[in-house]
């Protein structure tokens, strides 16, 4: 049991030290600013089509 606790403690230390070099996440766009390009469902054409004739 002490060996398991020592291994978990060492793992926690390695993870904590590894997180020190992490870069911050990029900031999201404001809600009133729409990015260029197609949307998630609209694709490159810019419109969502269910049935195409």
Protein backbone atom coordinates (compact mmCIF):
# COMPACT_ATOMS: atom_id res chain seq x y z
CA UNK A 1 0.00 0.00 0.00
CA UNK A 2 2.76 2.55 0.77
CA UNK A 3 4.29 1.87 -2.67
CA UNK A 4 0.96 2.68 -4.33
CA UNK A 5 0.63 5.93 -2.36
CA UNK A 6 4.20 6.87 -3.25
CA UNK A 7 3.54 6.19 -6.94
CA UNK A 8 0.33 8.25 -6.89
CA UNK A 9 2.13 11.09 -5.12
CA UNK A 10 4.93 11.02 -7.68
CA UNK A 11 2.38 11.00 -10.52
CA UNK A 12 0.59 13.99 -9.00
CA UNK A 13 3.90 15.85 -8.70
CA UNK A 14 4.83 15.14 -12.32
CA UNK A 15 1.41 16.29 -13.54
CA UNK A 16 1.57 19.47 -11.44
CA UNK A 17 5.06 20.34 -12.69
CA UNK A 18 4.08 19.57 -16.28
CA UNK A 19 1.13 21.94 -16.03
CA UNK A 20 3.45 24.83 -15.15
CA UNK A 21 4.63 25.05 -18.76
CA UNK A 22 1.15 24.99 -20.27
CA UNK A 23 0.06 27.87 -22.50
CA UNK A 24 -3.26 29.63 -21.81
CA UNK A 25 -6.24 28.82 -24.02
CA UNK A 26 -7.11 31.34 -26.74
CA UNK A 27 -9.91 33.75 -25.84
CA UNK A 28 -13.25 33.08 -27.58
CA UNK A 29 -14.74 35.66 -29.94
CA UNK A 30 -17.26 38.11 -28.48
CA UNK A 31 -20.91 37.15 -28.96
CA UNK A 32 -21.56 40.04 -31.37
CA UNK A 33 -18.64 39.14 -33.69
CA UNK A 34 -19.33 36.50 -36.36
CA UNK A 35 -16.27 34.81 -37.87
CA UNK A 36 -15.80 34.54 -41.64
CA UNK A 37 -16.53 31.28 -43.48
CA UNK A 38 -19.20 28.62 -43.41
CA UNK A 39 -21.04 27.64 -40.28
CA UNK A 40 -21.24 24.35 -38.45
CA UNK A 41 -24.37 23.20 -40.32
CA UNK A 42 -24.41 25.56 -43.29
CA UNK A 43 -21.14 24.48 -44.91
CA UNK A 44 -19.30 26.53 -47.49
CA UNK A 45 -22.47 27.72 -49.31
CA UNK A 46 -23.79 29.49 -46.22
CA UNK A 47 -27.22 27.85 -46.22
CA UNK A 48 -28.66 24.79 -44.52
CA UNK A 49 -30.48 22.53 -47.00
CA UNK A 50 -32.61 19.56 -45.91
CA UNK A 51 -33.89 18.46 -49.32
CA UNK A 52 -32.20 19.51 -52.54
CA UNK A 53 -34.24 19.46 -55.74
